[in-house]
Amino acid sequence: MLLLQQIVNGLMLGSVYVTVAVAFTLTIGILNFLNFTIPTLFMLAGMVGWGLAYFGLPFGLSGPLPWPLALAIGIAAAILCSLVVERFTFRYLQTKYGDSTEHAIPLVSSLGFLLILENLVRIAYGGDAQRFPGPSGDLTAEFGGLFFRVPQLVSFFIVLALIVGLAWIMRATRIGRGLRAIAENPDAAAILGVETGRVVPMVFLLTGLLCGLAGALFAVNYGEVSPQMGEDIGSKAIAGMVVGGLGSLWGAVAGGIVVGLVEILTVHFFGADAVQVAVWGALLLTLLARPQGLFGHNAIGKGKL
């Protein structure tokens, strides 16, 4: 029964990795661009939510806000920052050179945004971990001898619904077809009438939404935020994306869950010190046995969604 409980905990943790891994998959699968600001967007939602719930709006405009409203504003801040990154990294290079994915500058500039945003948060709130004032009381439910925290259970189904909805958008809507056309060949998509100037920002909007939601759910479920919270989550989400298969949405889901299970079971059997060895060892074994990942394609680059 204890092992089953750990598996449940791994699934709950994996749902956080899934959300961030899908955000990575969108940018690398459609734009061939590894967006380094994704872990920072995750962190930004949690830290902004904590700041508003603890201090209120800046300049004394309000007292502490209710935590759901604070997190909603944090998610909005993550979306806004993601669109700013699109404007000053990807779109700028596309306007100047025609195909920004052929240059390393967007990748490097996104790394610059990561460092700027993280250090701005440090300046505003300090570098220490903070306790998030989330739901109070005992929110644990028992089913068949297994214990679930209600916020984690709700978060799991929210993430599942979000991924199903995103997969439907990619397959059944005009925007989704435009995104897949850009993933196949951005020049041909433009010739065929896809308005890349309108469609590409949707990738960054969805990225900001996914990361912001993941950061908010993490703050509620684990009750702690810090300026460093995105680093570990981001690296494990990348591992999950690679394990599942670059460019595959459902591969990112499977990879994130695998990483969450590996982490929790490693802690259970070997202790927390062995987590990094187990996660990156699983990644290495996957690359050796199946380089394209569990659900990936043989081609690395565009044309996979």
C-alpha atoms as a PDB file:
ATOM      1  CA  MET A   1       0.000   0.000   0.000  1.00  0.00           C
ATOM      2  CA  LEU A   2       2.885   2.354   0.758  1.00  0.00           C
ATOM      3  CA  LEU A   3       4.306   1.754  -2.713  1.00  0.00           C
ATOM      4  CA  LEU A   4       0.920   2.529  -4.286  1.00  0.00           C
ATOM      5  CA  GLN A   5       0.798   5.754  -2.290  1.00  0.00           C
ATOM      6  CA  GLN A   6       4.221   6.731  -3.643  1.00  0.00           C
ATOM      7  CA  ILE A   7       3.036   6.014  -7.185  1.00  0.00           C
ATOM      8  CA  VAL A   8       0.062   8.317  -6.612  1.00  0.00           C
ATOM      9  CA  ASN A   9       2.436  10.997  -5.303  1.00  0.00           C
ATOM     10  CA  GLY A  10       4.603  10.518  -8.392  1.00  0.00           C
ATOM     11  CA  LEU A  11       1.615  11.038 -10.671  1.00  0.00           C
ATOM     12  CA  MET A  12       0.708  14.241  -8.848  1.00  0.00           C
ATOM     13  CA  LEU A  13       4.263  15.577  -9.118  1.00  0.00           C
ATOM     14  CA  GLY A  14       4.499  14.415 -12.719  1.00  0.00           C
ATOM     15  CA  SER A  15       1.490  16.546 -13.642  1.00  0.00           C
ATOM     16  CA  VAL A  16       3.568  19.653 -12.845  1.00  0.00           C
ATOM     17  CA  TYR A  17       6.419  18.419 -15.043  1.00  0.00           C
ATOM     18  CA  VAL A  18       3.909  17.583 -17.773  1.00  0.00           C
ATOM     19  CA  THR A  19       2.644  21.156 -17.993  1.00  0.00           C
ATOM     20  CA  VAL A  20       6.122  22.663 -18.298  1.00  0.00           C
ATOM     21  CA  ALA A  21       7.292  19.902 -20.662  1.00  0.00           C
ATOM     22  CA  VAL A  22       4.354  20.648 -22.973  1.00  0.00           C
ATOM     23  CA  ALA A  23       5.347  24.340 -22.944  1.00  0.00           C
ATOM     24  CA  PHE A  24       8.865  23.376 -24.046  1.00  0.00           C
ATOM     25  CA  THR A  25       7.401  21.046 -26.685  1.00  0.00           C
ATOM     26  CA  LEU A  26       5.279  23.787 -28.235  1.00  0.00           C
ATOM     27  CA  THR A  27       8.223  26.108 -28.852  1.00  0.00           C
ATOM     28  CA  ILE A  28      10.704  23.491 -29.989  1.00  0.00           C
ATOM     29  CA  GLY A  29       8.150  21.524 -32.008  1.00  0.00           C
ATOM     30  CA  ILE A  30       6.614  24.481 -33.838  1.00  0.00           C
ATOM     31  CA  LEU A  31       9.375  27.102 -33.884  1.00  0.00           C
ATOM     32  CA  ASN A  32      12.495  24.943 -33.500  1.00  0.00           C
ATOM     33  CA  PHE A  33      13.403  27.240 -30.610  1.00  0.00           C
ATOM     34  CA  LEU A  34      14.410  26.165 -27.098  1.00  0.00           C
ATOM     35  CA  ASN A  35      12.875  28.907 -24.972  1.00  0.00           C
ATOM     36  CA  PHE A  36      14.999  29.313 -21.840  1.00  0.00           C
ATOM     37  CA  THR A  37      12.517  31.694 -20.223  1.00  0.00           C
ATOM     38  CA  ILE A  38      10.000  28.884 -19.608  1.00  0.00           C
ATOM     39  CA  PRO A  39      11.325  27.993 -16.107  1.00  0.00           C
ATOM     40  CA  THR A  40      11.305  31.706 -15.244  1.00  0.00           C
ATOM     41  CA  LEU A  41       7.677  32.089 -16.312  1.00  0.00           C
ATOM     42  CA  PHE A  42       6.859  29.173 -13.992  1.00  0.00           C
ATOM     43  CA  MET A  43       8.669  30.927 -11.155  1.00  0.00           C
ATOM     44  CA  LEU A  44       7.170  34.327 -11.951  1.00  0.00           C
ATOM     45  CA  ALA A  45       3.580  33.168 -11.504  1.00  0.00           C
ATOM     46  CA  GLY A  46       4.341  31.702  -8.084  1.00  0.00           C
ATOM     47  CA  MET A  47       6.416  34.624  -6.825  1.00  0.00           C
ATOM     48  CA  VAL A  48       4.073  37.335  -8.098  1.00  0.00           C
ATOM     49  CA  GLY A  49       1.159  35.433  -6.582  1.00  0.00           C
ATOM     50  CA  TRP A  50       2.998  35.200  -3.258  1.00  0.00           C
ATOM     51  CA  GLY A  51       3.945  38.885  -3.311  1.00  0.00           C
ATOM     52  CA  LEU A  52       0.384  39.996  -3.982  1.00  0.00           C
ATOM     53  CA  ALA A  53      -1.069  37.617  -1.395  1.00  0.00           C
ATOM     54  CA  TYR A  54       1.441  38.760   1.226  1.00  0.00           C
ATOM     55  CA  PHE A  55       1.981  42.475   0.466  1.00  0.00           C
ATOM     56  CA  GLY A  56      -0.794  43.455  -1.949  1.00  0.00           C
ATOM     57  CA  LEU A  57      -0.517  45.653  -5.023  1.00  0.00           C
ATOM     58  CA  PRO A  58       2.594  47.857  -5.309  1.00  0.00           C
ATOM     59  CA  PHE A  59       2.694  51.492  -4.177  1.00  0.00           C
ATOM     60  CA  GLY A  60       0.155  50.772  -1.448  1.00  0.00           C
ATOM     61  CA  LEU A  61      -2.747  50.441  -3.880  1.00  0.00           C
ATOM     62  CA  SER A  62      -4.239  47.592  -1.854  1.00  0.00           C
ATOM     63  CA  GLY A  63      -3.670  45.348   1.100  1.00  0.00           C
ATOM     64  CA  PRO A  64      -2.922  41.622   0.745  1.00  0.00           C
ATOM     65  CA  LEU A  65      -5.080  40.059  -1.954  1.00  0.00           C
ATOM     66  CA  PRO A  66      -6.954  36.741  -1.658  1.00  0.00           C
ATOM     67  CA  TRP A  67      -4.609  34.004  -2.835  1.00  0.00           C
ATOM     68  CA  PRO A  68      -6.768  32.871  -5.814  1.00  0.00           C
ATOM     69  CA  LEU A  69      -6.847  36.430  -7.173  1.00  0.00           C
ATOM     70  CA  ALA A  70      -3.130  36.856  -6.494  1.00  0.00           C
ATOM     71  CA  LEU A  71      -2.312  33.690  -8.436  1.00  0.00           C
ATOM     72  CA  ALA A  72      -4.597  34.720 -11.303  1.00  0.00           C
ATOM     73  CA  ILE A  73      -2.618  37.957 -11.604  1.00  0.00           C
ATOM     74  CA  GLY A  74       0.596  35.922 -11.394  1.00  0.00           C
ATOM     75  CA  ILE A  75      -0.564  33.780 -14.345  1.00  0.00           C
ATOM     76  CA  ALA A  76      -1.425  36.948 -16.278  1.00  0.00           C
ATOM     77  CA  ALA A  77       2.075  38.290 -15.542  1.00  0.00           C
ATOM     78  CA  ALA A  78       3.612  35.079 -16.916  1.00  0.00           C
ATOM     79  CA  ILE A  79       1.554  35.379 -20.123  1.00  0.00           C
ATOM     80  CA  LEU A  80       2.511  39.040 -20.540  1.00  0.00           C
ATOM     81  CA  CYS A  81       6.215  38.306 -20.044  1.00  0.00           C
ATOM     82  CA  SER A  82       6.014  35.444 -22.540  1.00  0.00           C
ATOM     83  CA  LEU A  83       4.567  37.811 -25.158  1.00  0.00           C
ATOM     84  CA  VAL A  84       7.338  40.324 -24.425  1.00  0.00           C
ATOM     85  CA  VAL A  85       9.893  37.568 -25.034  1.00  0.00           C
ATOM     86  CA  GLU A  86       8.204  36.777 -28.353  1.00  0.00           C
ATOM     87  CA  ARG A  87       8.314  40.423 -29.377  1.00  0.00           C
ATOM     88  CA  PHE A  88      11.973  41.044 -28.567  1.00  0.00           C
ATOM     89  CA  THR A  89      13.487  37.669 -29.401  1.00  0.00           C
ATOM     90  CA  PHE A  90      11.664  35.625 -32.000  1.00  0.00           C
ATOM     91  CA  ARG A  91       9.734  38.334 -33.903  1.00  0.00           C
ATOM     92  CA  TYR A  92      12.670  40.757 -33.953  1.00  0.00           C
ATOM     93  CA  LEU A  93      14.954  38.185 -35.549  1.00  0.00           C
ATOM     94  CA  GLN A  94      12.246  37.068 -37.969  1.00  0.00           C
ATOM     95  CA  THR A  95      11.755  40.657 -39.134  1.00  0.00           C
ATOM     96  CA  LYS A  96      15.480  41.261 -39.497  1.00  0.00           C
ATOM     97  CA  TYR A  97      16.650  37.970 -41.011  1.00  0.00           C
ATOM     98  CA  GLY A  98      13.525  36.307 -42.398  1.00  0.00           C
ATOM     99  CA  ASP A  99      13.826  33.067 -40.383  1.00  0.00           C
ATOM    100  CA  SER A 100      14.847  33.601 -36.795  1.00  0.00           C
ATOM    101  CA  THR A 101      15.022  29.864 -36.137  1.00  0.00           C
ATOM    102  CA  GLU A 102      18.203  29.682 -38.202  1.00  0.00           C
ATOM    103  CA  HIS A 103      20.069  31.871 -35.712  1.00  0.00           C
ATOM    104  CA  ALA A 104      21.209  31.282 -32.169  1.00  0.00           C
ATOM    105  CA  ILE A 105      20.360  34.831 -31.103  1.00  0.00           C
ATOM    106  CA  PRO A 106      16.758  34.071 -29.995  1.00  0.00           C
ATOM    107  CA  LEU A 107      18.036  31.251 -27.801  1.00  0.00           C
ATOM    108  CA  VAL A 108      20.718  33.466 -26.241  1.00  0.00           C
ATOM    109  CA  SER A 109      18.353  36.406 -25.830  1.00  0.00           C
ATOM    110  CA  SER A 110      15.786  34.174 -24.115  1.00  0.00           C
ATOM    111  CA  LEU A 111      18.561  33.170 -21.705  1.00  0.00           C
ATOM    112  CA  GLY A 112      19.135  36.887 -21.096  1.00  0.00           C
ATOM    113  CA  PHE A 113      15.452  37.339 -20.283  1.00  0.00           C
ATOM    114  CA  LEU A 114      15.700  34.413 -17.854  1.00  0.00           C
ATOM    115  CA  LEU A 115      18.543  36.082 -15.942  1.00  0.00           C
ATOM    116  CA  ILE A 116      16.922  39.521 -15.981  1.00  0.00           C
ATOM    117  CA  LEU A 117      13.531  38.336 -14.733  1.00  0.00           C
ATOM    118  CA  GLU A 118      14.984  36.061 -12.076  1.00  0.00           C
ATOM    119  CA  ASN A 119      17.188  38.805 -10.687  1.00  0.00           C
ATOM    120  CA  LEU A 120      14.370  41.359 -10.767  1.00  0.00           C
ATOM    121  CA  VAL A 121      12.344  38.969  -8.612  1.00  0.00           C
ATOM    122  CA  ARG A 122      15.321  38.591  -6.261  1.00  0.00           C
ATOM    123  CA  ILE A 123      15.583  42.382  -5.965  1.00  0.00           C
ATOM    124  CA  ALA A 124      11.843  42.731  -5.302  1.00  0.00           C
ATOM    125  CA  TYR A 125      11.294  39.816  -2.917  1.00  0.00           C
ATOM    126  CA  GLY A 126      14.722  38.547  -1.844  1.00  0.00           C
ATOM    127  CA  GLY A 127      16.325  35.196  -2.591  1.00  0.00           C
ATOM    128  CA  ASP A 128      14.838  33.082   0.214  1.00  0.00           C
ATOM    129  CA  ALA A 129      12.099  30.499  -0.110  1.00  0.00           C
ATOM    130  CA  GLN A 130       8.720  31.781   1.086  1.00  0.00           C
ATOM    131  CA  ARG A 131       5.663  30.041   2.474  1.00  0.00           C
ATOM    132  CA  PHE A 132       2.669  30.514   0.190  1.00  0.00           C
ATOM    133  CA  PRO A 133      -0.572  31.386   2.047  1.00  0.00           C
ATOM    134  CA  GLY A 134      -2.765  28.884   0.203  1.00  0.00           C
ATOM    135  CA  PRO A 135      -5.788  26.883   1.342  1.00  0.00           C
ATOM    136  CA  SER A 136      -5.958  26.238   5.053  1.00  0.00           C
ATOM    137  CA  GLY A 137      -7.204  23.217   6.938  1.00  0.00           C
ATOM    138  CA  ASP A 138      -6.928  19.511   6.268  1.00  0.00           C
ATOM    139  CA  LEU A 139      -7.598  19.047   2.551  1.00  0.00           C
ATOM    140  CA  THR A 140      -6.750  15.350   2.390  1.00  0.00           C
ATOM    141  CA  ALA A 141      -9.188  12.777   1.042  1.00  0.00           C
ATOM    142  CA  GLU A 142      -8.955   8.973   1.319  1.00  0.00           C
ATOM    143  CA  PHE A 143      -9.973   6.545  -1.429  1.00  0.00           C
ATOM    144  CA  GLY A 144      -9.375   2.821  -1.019  1.00  0.00           C
ATOM    145  CA  GLY A 145      -6.692   3.343   1.602  1.00  0.00           C
ATOM    146  CA  LEU A 146      -4.804   5.868  -0.560  1.00  0.00           C
ATOM    147  CA  PHE A 147      -4.520   9.502   0.505  1.00  0.00           C
ATOM    148  CA  PHE A 148      -4.934  12.399  -1.921  1.00  0.00           C
ATOM    149  CA  ARG A 149      -4.542  16.075  -1.253  1.00  0.00           C
ATOM    150  CA  VAL A 150      -7.580  17.714  -2.781  1.00  0.00           C
ATOM    151  CA  PRO A 151      -5.595  20.594  -4.390  1.00  0.00           C
ATOM    152  CA  GLN A 152      -3.264  18.051  -6.019  1.00  0.00           C
ATOM    153  CA  LEU A 153      -6.187  15.992  -7.294  1.00  0.00           C
ATOM    154  CA  VAL A 154      -7.916  19.079  -8.688  1.00  0.00           C
ATOM    155  CA  SER A 155      -4.641  20.199 -10.251  1.00  0.00           C
ATOM    156  CA  PHE A 156      -4.146  16.811 -11.898  1.00  0.00           C
ATOM    157  CA  PHE A 157      -7.529  16.955 -13.627  1.00  0.00           C
ATOM    158  CA  ILE A 158      -7.047  20.610 -14.594  1.00  0.00           C
ATOM    159  CA  VAL A 159      -3.744  19.708 -16.257  1.00  0.00           C
ATOM    160  CA  LEU A 160      -5.311  16.701 -17.992  1.00  0.00           C
ATOM    161  CA  ALA A 161      -8.209  18.804 -19.310  1.00  0.00           C
ATOM    162  CA  LEU A 162      -5.807  21.509 -20.457  1.00  0.00           C
ATOM    163  CA  ILE A 163      -3.653  19.068 -22.423  1.00  0.00           C
ATOM    164  CA  VAL A 164      -6.699  17.421 -24.022  1.00  0.00           C
ATOM    165  CA  GLY A 165      -7.996  20.870 -24.983  1.00  0.00           C
ATOM    166  CA  LEU A 166      -4.605  21.871 -26.389  1.00  0.00           C
ATOM    167  CA  ALA A 167      -4.404  18.675 -28.461  1.00  0.00           C
ATOM    168  CA  TRP A 168      -7.895  19.413 -29.825  1.00  0.00           C
ATOM    169  CA  ILE A 169      -6.883  22.986 -30.705  1.00  0.00           C
ATOM    170  CA  MET A 170      -3.826  21.708 -32.572  1.00  0.00           C
ATOM    171  CA  ARG A 171      -5.872  19.187 -34.566  1.00  0.00           C
ATOM    172  CA  ALA A 172      -9.275  20.750 -35.124  1.00  0.00           C
ATOM    173  CA  THR A 173      -8.987  24.562 -35.246  1.00  0.00           C
ATOM    174  CA  ARG A 174      -7.695  27.025 -37.803  1.00  0.00           C
ATOM    175  CA  ILE A 175      -5.059  28.331 -35.397  1.00  0.00           C
ATOM    176  CA  GLY A 176      -3.893  24.785 -34.685  1.00  0.00           C
ATOM    177  CA  ARG A 177      -3.623  23.992 -38.394  1.00  0.00           C
ATOM    178  CA  GLY A 178      -1.660  27.199 -38.884  1.00  0.00           C
ATOM    179  CA  LEU A 179       0.725  26.266 -36.088  1.00  0.00           C
ATOM    180  CA  ARG A 180       1.271  22.806 -37.568  1.00  0.00           C
ATOM    181  CA  ALA A 181       1.851  24.329 -40.997  1.00  0.00           C
ATOM    182  CA  ILE A 182       4.518  26.606 -39.534  1.00  0.00           C
ATOM    183  CA  ALA A 183       6.078  23.604 -37.822  1.00  0.00           C
ATOM    184  CA  GLU A 184       6.311  21.803 -41.166  1.00  0.00           C
ATOM    185  CA  ASN A 185       7.671  24.711 -43.203  1.00  0.00           C
ATOM    186  CA  PRO A 186       7.313  28.366 -42.150  1.00  0.00           C
ATOM    187  CA  ASP A 187       8.080  29.732 -45.627  1.00  0.00           C
ATOM    188  CA  ALA A 188       5.538  27.477 -47.334  1.00  0.00           C
ATOM    189  CA  ALA A 189       2.984  28.316 -44.616  1.00  0.00           C
ATOM    190  CA  ALA A 190       3.418  32.039 -45.335  1.00  0.00           C
ATOM    191  CA  ILE A 191       2.988  31.436 -49.081  1.00  0.00           C
ATOM    192  CA  LEU A 192      -0.207  29.493 -48.400  1.00  0.00           C
ATOM    193  CA  GLY A 193      -1.650  32.409 -46.453  1.00  0.00           C
ATOM    194  CA  VAL A 194      -0.865  31.578 -42.826  1.00  0.00           C
ATOM    195  CA  GLU A 195      -0.484  34.891 -40.990  1.00  0.00           C
ATOM    196  CA  THR A 196       2.631  34.056 -38.990  1.00  0.00           C
ATOM    197  CA  GLY A 197       2.596  37.477 -37.324  1.00  0.00           C
ATOM    198  CA  ARG A 198      -0.695  36.538 -35.661  1.00  0.00           C
ATOM    199  CA  VAL A 199      -0.272  32.793 -35.265  1.00  0.00           C
ATOM    200  CA  VAL A 200       3.243  32.622 -33.769  1.00  0.00           C
ATOM    201  CA  PRO A 201       2.366  34.807 -30.741  1.00  0.00           C
ATOM    202  CA  MET A 202      -0.235  32.169 -29.867  1.00  0.00           C
ATOM    203  CA  VAL A 203       2.639  29.770 -29.157  1.00  0.00           C
ATOM    204  CA  PHE A 204       4.065  32.187 -26.619  1.00  0.00           C
ATOM    205  CA  LEU A 205       0.632  32.963 -25.176  1.00  0.00           C
ATOM    206  CA  LEU A 206       0.001  29.250 -24.640  1.00  0.00           C
ATOM    207  CA  THR A 207       3.506  28.857 -23.236  1.00  0.00           C
ATOM    208  CA  GLY A 208       2.918  31.631 -20.712  1.00  0.00           C
ATOM    209  CA  LEU A 209      -0.467  30.163 -19.775  1.00  0.00           C
ATOM    210  CA  LEU A 210       0.928  26.656 -19.260  1.00  0.00           C
ATOM    211  CA  CYS A 211       3.921  27.842 -17.218  1.00  0.00           C
ATOM    212  CA  GLY A 212       1.862  30.290 -15.197  1.00  0.00           C
ATOM    213  CA  LEU A 213      -0.743  27.664 -14.396  1.00  0.00           C
ATOM    214  CA  ALA A 214       1.966  25.154 -13.451  1.00  0.00           C
ATOM    215  CA  GLY A 215       3.632  27.702 -11.151  1.00  0.00           C
ATOM    216  CA  ALA A 216       0.311  28.564  -9.509  1.00  0.00           C
ATOM    217  CA  LEU A 217      -0.625  24.920  -8.970  1.00  0.00           C
ATOM    218  CA  PHE A 218       2.840  24.197  -7.562  1.00  0.00           C
ATOM    219  CA  ALA A 219       2.491  27.074  -5.082  1.00  0.00           C
ATOM    220  CA  VAL A 220      -0.912  25.832  -3.911  1.00  0.00           C
ATOM    221  CA  ASN A 221       0.053  22.156  -3.705  1.00  0.00           C
ATOM    222  CA  TYR A 222       3.494  22.427  -2.137  1.00  0.00           C
ATOM    223  CA  GLY A 223       3.010  25.684  -0.231  1.00  0.00           C
ATOM    224  CA  GLU A 224       6.421  27.156  -1.042  1.00  0.00           C
ATOM    225  CA  VAL A 225       7.823  29.523  -3.661  1.00  0.00           C
ATOM    226  CA  SER A 226      11.272  30.948  -4.343  1.00  0.00           C
ATOM    227  CA  PRO A 227      13.188  32.698  -7.143  1.00  0.00           C
ATOM    228  CA  GLN A 228      14.974  29.378  -7.774  1.00  0.00           C
ATOM    229  CA  MET A 229      11.829  27.257  -8.033  1.00  0.00           C
ATOM    230  CA  GLY A 230      11.890  27.175 -11.820  1.00  0.00           C
ATOM    231  CA  GLU A 231      15.409  25.803 -12.182  1.00  0.00           C
ATOM    232  CA  ASP A 232      14.813  22.269 -10.926  1.00  0.00           C
ATOM    233  CA  ILE A 233      11.336  22.048 -12.460  1.00  0.00           C
ATOM    234  CA  GLY A 234      12.621  23.312 -15.798  1.00  0.00           C
ATOM    235  CA  SER A 235      15.508  20.863 -16.010  1.00  0.00           C
ATOM    236  CA  LYS A 236      13.267  17.898 -15.165  1.00  0.00           C
ATOM    237  CA  ALA A 237      10.624  19.092 -17.624  1.00  0.00           C
ATOM    238  CA  ILE A 238      13.300  19.113 -20.339  1.00  0.00           C
ATOM    239  CA  ALA A 239      14.235  15.583 -19.309  1.00  0.00           C
ATOM    240  CA  GLY A 240      10.570  14.581 -19.547  1.00  0.00           C
ATOM    241  CA  MET A 241      10.228  16.201 -22.971  1.00  0.00           C
ATOM    242  CA  VAL A 242      13.258  14.296 -24.301  1.00  0.00           C
ATOM    243  CA  VAL A 243      12.167  11.000 -22.730  1.00  0.00           C
ATOM    244  CA  GLY A 244       8.693  11.376 -24.239  1.00  0.00           C
ATOM    245  CA  GLY A 245       9.971  12.535 -27.642  1.00  0.00           C
ATOM    246  CA  LEU A 246      10.796  15.988 -28.961  1.00  0.00           C
ATOM    247  CA  GLY A 247       7.801  17.657 -30.558  1.00  0.00           C
ATOM    248  CA  SER A 248       5.167  15.193 -29.342  1.00  0.00           C
ATOM    249  CA  LEU A 249       2.502  16.648 -27.032  1.00  0.00           C
ATOM    250  CA  TRP A 250       1.477  13.264 -25.672  1.00  0.00           C
ATOM    251  CA  GLY A 251       5.143  12.302 -25.496  1.00  0.00           C
ATOM    252  CA  ALA A 252       5.677  15.289 -23.188  1.00  0.00           C
ATOM    253  CA  VAL A 253       2.769  14.058 -21.060  1.00  0.00           C
ATOM    254  CA  ALA A 254       4.223  10.554 -20.823  1.00  0.00           C
ATOM    255  CA  GLY A 255       7.755  11.834 -20.207  1.00  0.00           C
ATOM    256  CA  GLY A 256       6.660  14.225 -17.451  1.00  0.00           C
ATOM    257  CA  ILE A 257       4.782  11.444 -15.667  1.00  0.00           C
ATOM    258  CA  VAL A 258       7.770   9.092 -16.027  1.00  0.00           C
ATOM    259  CA  VAL A 259      10.107  11.688 -14.501  1.00  0.00           C
ATOM    260  CA  GLY A 260       7.680  12.336 -11.623  1.00  0.00           C
ATOM    261  CA  LEU A 261       7.407   8.603 -10.890  1.00  0.00           C
ATOM    262  CA  VAL A 262      11.177   8.094 -11.127  1.00  0.00           C
ATOM    263  CA  GLU A 263      11.790  10.963  -8.712  1.00  0.00           C
ATOM    264  CA  ILE A 264       9.283   9.868  -6.064  1.00  0.00           C
ATOM    265  CA  LEU A 265      10.238   6.188  -6.240  1.00  0.00           C
ATOM    266  CA  THR A 266      13.927   7.059  -6.034  1.00  0.00           C
ATOM    267  CA  VAL A 267      13.278   9.096  -2.896  1.00  0.00           C
ATOM    268  CA  HIS A 268      11.272   6.178  -1.495  1.00  0.00           C
ATOM    269  CA  PHE A 269      13.898   3.498  -2.142  1.00  0.00           C
ATOM    270  CA  PHE A 270      17.224   5.351  -2.144  1.00  0.00           C
ATOM    271  CA  GLY A 271      16.726   8.801  -0.628  1.00  0.00           C
ATOM    272  CA  ALA A 272      16.603  12.314  -2.050  1.00  0.00           C
ATOM    273  CA  ASP A 273      20.338  12.454  -2.809  1.00  0.00           C
ATOM    274  CA  ALA A 274      19.920   9.908  -5.621  1.00  0.00           C
ATOM    275  CA  VAL A 275      17.140  11.763  -7.475  1.00  0.00           C
ATOM    276  CA  GLN A 276      19.318  13.574 -10.004  1.00  0.00           C
ATOM    277  CA  VAL A 277      21.255  10.399 -10.786  1.00  0.00           C
ATOM    278  CA  ALA A 278      18.031   8.456 -11.364  1.00  0.00           C
ATOM    279  CA  VAL A 279      16.292  11.099 -13.501  1.00  0.00           C
ATOM    280  CA  TRP A 280      19.241  11.839 -15.750  1.00  0.00           C
ATOM    281  CA  GLY A 281      20.202   8.180 -15.809  1.00  0.00           C
ATOM    282  CA  ALA A 282      16.720   7.386 -17.131  1.00  0.00           C
ATOM    283  CA  LEU A 283      17.197  10.101 -19.757  1.00  0.00           C
ATOM    284  CA  LEU A 284      20.546   8.662 -20.811  1.00  0.00           C
ATOM    285  CA  LEU A 285      19.149   5.134 -21.058  1.00  0.00           C
ATOM    286  CA  THR A 286      16.258   6.412 -23.174  1.00  0.00           C
ATOM    287  CA  LEU A 287      18.623   8.170 -25.553  1.00  0.00           C
ATOM    288  CA  LEU A 288      20.765   5.046 -25.877  1.00  0.00           C
ATOM    289  CA  ALA A 289      17.843   2.670 -26.427  1.00  0.00           C
ATOM    290  CA  ARG A 290      15.464   4.955 -28.339  1.00  0.00           C
ATOM    291  CA  PRO A 291      17.031   8.320 -29.319  1.00  0.00           C
ATOM    292  CA  GLN A 292      13.741   9.722 -30.622  1.00  0.00           C
ATOM    293  CA  GLY A 293      12.044   9.167 -27.253  1.00  0.00           C
ATOM    294  CA  LEU A 294       8.964   7.150 -26.399  1.00  0.00           C
ATOM    295  CA  PHE A 295       6.589   8.885 -28.840  1.00  0.00           C
ATOM    296  CA  GLY A 296       8.964  11.029 -30.893  1.00  0.00           C
ATOM    297  CA  HIS A 297       9.890  10.963 -34.544  1.00  0.00           C
ATOM    298  CA  ASN A 298      13.243  10.249 -36.122  1.00  0.00           C
ATOM    299  CA  ALA A 299      13.588  13.818 -37.403  1.00  0.00           C
ATOM    300  CA  ILE A 300      14.809  16.365 -34.884  1.00  0.00           C
ATOM    301  CA  GLY A 301      13.615  19.874 -35.710  1.00  0.00           C
ATOM    302  CA  LYS A 302      10.465  21.048 -37.465  1.00  0.00           C
ATOM    303  CA  GLY A 303       7.605  18.959 -38.709  1.00  0.00           C
ATOM    304  CA  LYS A 304       6.709  16.797 -35.733  1.00  0.00           C
ATOM    305  CA  LEU A 305       3.385  18.075 -34.397  1.00  0.00           C
END
